[in-house]
Amino acid sequence: MVDHLWTVPAMPIMAFAVIVLFTRFSEKLSKTISIFAIAYGFVYSTITLIQTLGEPSGFVIDKGFDWLVLGNFTLQIGMYVDGLTVVMLMVVTIVALLVHIYSIGYMKGDPRTSRYFAF
């Protein structure tokens, strides 16, 4: 389950692309896609937190891969996840979800609601 943790930041990016390209004039669909993307991140980070609580020796994931190799120069890209990372992920996703839910009422009637929820 933790192997797919990269999807937490990827979902809002994909939601942005879908809203901007396909649902620009559909206010309700833009809200739904945006809330779903943030809620997905919250649910997935909650699952990850539960998994970390069960680890007796701490929880560290260090995954990376070679992104660019030029002769002796290697540029790696990866992800480091530990207990603090998971707690901060929970805080950020719950705040983002609450802001998005609050924004549904706050932005009601605004002509640029789709643009707001895209960002």
C-alpha atoms as a PDB file:
ATOM      1  CA  MET A   1       0.000   0.000   0.000  1.00  0.00           C
ATOM      2  CA  VAL A   2       2.834   2.379   0.822  1.00  0.00           C
ATOM      3  CA  ASP A   3       4.420   1.739  -2.560  1.00  0.00           C
ATOM      4  CA  HIS A   4       1.724   3.899  -4.104  1.00  0.00           C
ATOM      5  CA  LEU A   5       2.181   6.867  -1.766  1.00  0.00           C
ATOM      6  CA  TRP A   6       3.299   8.940  -4.743  1.00  0.00           C
ATOM      7  CA  THR A   7      -0.364   9.064  -5.806  1.00  0.00           C
ATOM      8  CA  VAL A   8      -1.188  11.431  -2.916  1.00  0.00           C
ATOM      9  CA  PRO A   9       0.477  14.453  -4.570  1.00  0.00           C
ATOM     10  CA  ALA A  10      -0.306  13.123  -8.053  1.00  0.00           C
ATOM     11  CA  MET A  11      -4.096  13.133  -7.585  1.00  0.00           C
ATOM     12  CA  PRO A  12      -4.437  16.937  -7.163  1.00  0.00           C
ATOM     13  CA  ILE A  13      -2.155  17.452 -10.159  1.00  0.00           C
ATOM     14  CA  MET A  14      -4.311  15.138 -12.267  1.00  0.00           C
ATOM     15  CA  ALA A  15      -7.459  16.838 -10.941  1.00  0.00           C
ATOM     16  CA  PHE A  16      -6.028  20.199 -12.001  1.00  0.00           C
ATOM     17  CA  ALA A  17      -5.438  18.923 -15.524  1.00  0.00           C
ATOM     18  CA  VAL A  18      -8.915  17.395 -15.804  1.00  0.00           C
ATOM     19  CA  ILE A  19     -10.650  20.525 -14.489  1.00  0.00           C
ATOM     20  CA  VAL A  20      -8.692  22.906 -16.709  1.00  0.00           C
ATOM     21  CA  LEU A  21      -8.995  20.817 -19.862  1.00  0.00           C
ATOM     22  CA  PHE A  22     -12.416  19.191 -19.619  1.00  0.00           C
ATOM     23  CA  THR A  23     -14.689  20.623 -16.918  1.00  0.00           C
ATOM     24  CA  ARG A  24     -13.932  24.299 -17.173  1.00  0.00           C
ATOM     25  CA  PHE A  25     -17.565  25.350 -17.431  1.00  0.00           C
ATOM     26  CA  SER A  26     -19.098  22.730 -15.153  1.00  0.00           C
ATOM     27  CA  GLU A  27     -18.993  24.177 -11.657  1.00  0.00           C
ATOM     28  CA  LYS A  28     -20.441  21.120  -9.924  1.00  0.00           C
ATOM     29  CA  LEU A  29     -18.136  18.651 -11.664  1.00  0.00           C
ATOM     30  CA  SER A  30     -15.099  20.807 -10.879  1.00  0.00           C
ATOM     31  CA  LYS A  31     -16.010  20.818  -7.191  1.00  0.00           C
ATOM     32  CA  THR A  32     -16.573  17.071  -7.172  1.00  0.00           C
ATOM     33  CA  ILE A  33     -13.273  16.252  -8.866  1.00  0.00           C
ATOM     34  CA  SER A  34     -11.354  18.600  -6.588  1.00  0.00           C
ATOM     35  CA  ILE A  35     -12.918  17.269  -3.380  1.00  0.00           C
ATOM     36  CA  PHE A  36     -12.377  13.677  -4.537  1.00  0.00           C
ATOM     37  CA  ALA A  37      -8.679  14.294  -5.205  1.00  0.00           C
ATOM     38  CA  ILE A  38      -8.100  15.853  -1.788  1.00  0.00           C
ATOM     39  CA  ALA A  39     -10.240  13.248  -0.001  1.00  0.00           C
ATOM     40  CA  TYR A  40      -8.254  10.493  -1.710  1.00  0.00           C
ATOM     41  CA  GLY A  41      -5.072  11.972  -0.280  1.00  0.00           C
ATOM     42  CA  PHE A  42      -6.587  12.155   3.190  1.00  0.00           C
ATOM     43  CA  VAL A  43      -7.846   8.568   3.113  1.00  0.00           C
ATOM     44  CA  TYR A  44      -4.560   7.248   1.772  1.00  0.00           C
ATOM     45  CA  SER A  45      -2.516   9.193   4.322  1.00  0.00           C
ATOM     46  CA  THR A  46      -4.771   7.850   7.092  1.00  0.00           C
ATOM     47  CA  ILE A  47      -4.135   4.298   5.890  1.00  0.00           C
ATOM     48  CA  THR A  48      -0.405   5.008   5.822  1.00  0.00           C
ATOM     49  CA  LEU A  49      -0.539   6.423   9.360  1.00  0.00           C
ATOM     50  CA  ILE A  50      -2.301   3.295  10.597  1.00  0.00           C
ATOM     51  CA  GLN A  51       0.385   1.166   8.961  1.00  0.00           C
ATOM     52  CA  THR A  52       3.149   3.183  10.607  1.00  0.00           C
ATOM     53  CA  LEU A  53       1.605   2.804  14.057  1.00  0.00           C
ATOM     54  CA  GLY A  54       1.943  -0.966  13.745  1.00  0.00           C
ATOM     55  CA  GLU A  55       5.678  -0.865  13.055  1.00  0.00           C
ATOM     56  CA  PRO A  56       7.695  -1.577  16.225  1.00  0.00           C
ATOM     57  CA  SER A  57      11.096  -0.445  14.979  1.00  0.00           C
ATOM     58  CA  GLY A  58      10.013   2.762  13.328  1.00  0.00           C
ATOM     59  CA  PHE A  59       8.885   3.251   9.796  1.00  0.00           C
ATOM     60  CA  VAL A  60      11.224   4.402   7.093  1.00  0.00           C
ATOM     61  CA  ILE A  61      10.819   4.013   3.383  1.00  0.00           C
ATOM     62  CA  ASP A  62      13.548   5.218   1.106  1.00  0.00           C
ATOM     63  CA  LYS A  63      12.632   4.556  -2.496  1.00  0.00           C
ATOM     64  CA  GLY A  64      14.433   6.066  -5.379  1.00  0.00           C
ATOM     65  CA  PHE A  65      15.454   5.443  -8.917  1.00  0.00           C
ATOM     66  CA  ASP A  66      17.938   6.829 -11.387  1.00  0.00           C
ATOM     67  CA  TRP A  67      16.207   9.587 -13.265  1.00  0.00           C
ATOM     68  CA  LEU A  68      19.074  10.865 -15.368  1.00  0.00           C
ATOM     69  CA  VAL A  69      22.402   9.169 -16.045  1.00  0.00           C
ATOM     70  CA  LEU A  70      25.128  11.082 -17.886  1.00  0.00           C
ATOM     71  CA  GLY A  71      28.448   9.263 -17.765  1.00  0.00           C
ATOM     72  CA  ASN A  72      29.581   9.273 -14.133  1.00  0.00           C
ATOM     73  CA  PHE A  73      26.822  11.697 -13.105  1.00  0.00           C
ATOM     74  CA  THR A  74      23.607  10.137 -11.814  1.00  0.00           C
ATOM     75  CA  LEU A  75      20.590  12.148 -10.755  1.00  0.00           C
ATOM     76  CA  GLN A  76      18.227  10.213  -8.541  1.00  0.00           C
ATOM     77  CA  ILE A  77      14.658  11.041  -7.678  1.00  0.00           C
ATOM     78  CA  GLY A  78      12.897   9.380  -4.815  1.00  0.00           C
ATOM     79  CA  MET A  79      10.787   9.539  -1.718  1.00  0.00           C
ATOM     80  CA  TYR A  80      11.710   9.326   1.953  1.00  0.00           C
ATOM     81  CA  VAL A  81       8.876   8.523   4.325  1.00  0.00           C
ATOM     82  CA  ASP A  82       9.176   8.325   8.087  1.00  0.00           C
ATOM     83  CA  GLY A  83       6.878   8.956  11.048  1.00  0.00           C
ATOM     84  CA  LEU A  84       7.120  12.749  10.849  1.00  0.00           C
ATOM     85  CA  THR A  85       6.402  12.690   7.127  1.00  0.00           C
ATOM     86  CA  VAL A  86       3.231  10.678   7.648  1.00  0.00           C
ATOM     87  CA  VAL A  87       1.983  12.951  10.447  1.00  0.00           C
ATOM     88  CA  MET A  88       2.598  16.065   8.339  1.00  0.00           C
ATOM     89  CA  LEU A  89       0.887  14.399   5.399  1.00  0.00           C
ATOM     90  CA  MET A  90      -2.164  13.860   7.603  1.00  0.00           C
ATOM     91  CA  VAL A  91      -2.152  17.487   8.786  1.00  0.00           C
ATOM     92  CA  VAL A  92      -1.797  18.915   5.291  1.00  0.00           C
ATOM     93  CA  THR A  93      -4.464  16.705   3.730  1.00  0.00           C
ATOM     94  CA  ILE A  94      -7.049  17.282   6.480  1.00  0.00           C
ATOM     95  CA  VAL A  95      -6.548  21.061   6.327  1.00  0.00           C
ATOM     96  CA  ALA A  96      -6.762  21.017   2.527  1.00  0.00           C
ATOM     97  CA  LEU A  97      -9.927  18.908   2.646  1.00  0.00           C
ATOM     98  CA  LEU A  98     -11.571  21.232   5.174  1.00  0.00           C
ATOM     99  CA  VAL A  99     -10.627  24.297   3.112  1.00  0.00           C
ATOM    100  CA  HIS A 100     -12.119  22.733  -0.010  1.00  0.00           C
ATOM    101  CA  ILE A 101     -15.334  21.799   1.777  1.00  0.00           C
ATOM    102  CA  TYR A 102     -15.634  25.306   3.240  1.00  0.00           C
ATOM    103  CA  SER A 103     -14.944  26.809  -0.179  1.00  0.00           C
ATOM    104  CA  ILE A 104     -17.991  25.119  -1.693  1.00  0.00           C
ATOM    105  CA  GLY A 105     -20.247  27.440   0.287  1.00  0.00           C
ATOM    106  CA  TYR A 106     -17.923  30.420   0.187  1.00  0.00           C
ATOM    107  CA  MET A 107     -17.565  30.387  -3.602  1.00  0.00           C
ATOM    108  CA  LYS A 108     -21.258  29.792  -4.292  1.00  0.00           C
ATOM    109  CA  GLY A 109     -22.403  32.012  -7.135  1.00  0.00           C
ATOM    110  CA  ASP A 110     -18.922  33.126  -8.140  1.00  0.00           C
ATOM    111  CA  PRO A 111     -18.423  32.918 -11.914  1.00  0.00           C
ATOM    112  CA  ARG A 112     -14.860  31.608 -11.551  1.00  0.00           C
ATOM    113  CA  THR A 113     -15.556  28.696  -9.228  1.00  0.00           C
ATOM    114  CA  SER A 114     -14.127  26.114 -11.631  1.00  0.00           C
ATOM    115  CA  ARG A 115     -10.874  28.024 -11.867  1.00  0.00           C
ATOM    116  CA  TYR A 116     -10.670  28.272  -8.073  1.00  0.00           C
ATOM    117  CA  PHE A 117     -11.155  24.538  -7.592  1.00  0.00           C
ATOM    118  CA  ALA A 118      -8.621  23.777 -10.310  1.00  0.00           C
ATOM    119  CA  PHE A 119      -5.906  25.431  -8.254  1.00  0.00           C
END
